[in-house]
């Protein structure tokens, strides 16, 4: 039986996204935006074939495809596809296709390699290049119903995995052994197998899967939950640390469906946790309910973050809130979609305001140096009047 390509980006989705970018282009007198990065290529075209998507300030885009043209023809929401033998051919191809000349071109300068940028300067010496990444990321903050549905399906994968996780937890098992079973379960549900981040060098596997004190292990990844991994070259999750009775297992894992991600966390334990950890977790749940009351259009992201830190700052667990040591991060949540680290970021100085259509991951956690961490992470879609919770799984500590 022939495999079928599924989850094709509906043309109307691509058209709406391009129209929103073109509105910004016309407002800022930008003649075209050049898209090179995979997440943005998919967002605006529905495929990630190597090449260049050129979005003019009006009219349909043209996709200059280096490889694979065959796949681009079957996946792209835009049908104007042109072979691109070499990068240096871009100017003459665009001229032949009657695109341009362009006085001002926007680039994804937050992710574009310097080599690409310098080449564009050489190929278009009379053109002014500017940064279009803020406009792109702002457009991507607001999820359509189609995008929300992909995120919802990615979340359902996590819900299923969490329901099965107690069957795999046993004292003496290593992180690697338990995580491998969880990864297999997720993959067989259709998990895409990779997580995309926008940040440079932010490499991550399925997420943080941290037994005991490994949740406090220092890591370069910009999150509060630590993890050790197997070796320094790839310091991702799944170490040989064994799970012991009465210590927490922090499971902060991302689902992935149709390119879209779901990021959520729960705390598991073989046997009851110590009273101070249970008390800290109960405080996190109370805080999360209060945060939920603030999740509605018009709320400043900085206000949510500052409230959370002020609230926990009055407790005995203030020094472990949102990480310890090198892992301390002063934020309380972030946007999510095609990438793990999307806007808005709920940080103290954020100028972002919640709007209908945003999808957020809110992740209050408390850590105990040398012992581990407790807490949760949930995802919410902001609606016209409040929110829809996309991660309904039990939030209590799950004792096995």
Foldseek 3Di string as FASTA:
>chain_A
DDDDDDLFDALVQLVVLLLLLLVVCVVVVFFKEKDADQLLCCNNWQGRAGFIWIRGSDDDIATAHAPDPVVSCVRTSDNRYHHDVDPLCVVVVCVVVVRDDTQEYEYCVLADDPVVVVVVCVSNVNHHYDHCNVVSLVSVQFADPSQVVQALLLLVLVLVLVVCLVVQDDFFAFLQSSVVVSVVSLVVSPFPFAAAARHPPQGEGQDEWDWWQQLQDDDPHQFAGHAACDDPVDRYHRHRDTHHAQAKTKDFGWGHGSLFIHTKIAIEGAYHHDPVQQVQAVVQVVLVVVLQVQFAFFRFLLVSLVVSLVSCVVDPQNQFKGHHDNSRDSFFKAFTTSHPHGDDTSHNPDRDTDDARGKMKGWIKGADNRTGIGTMIWIWGHHNGGTDTSNPHDRHHHHD
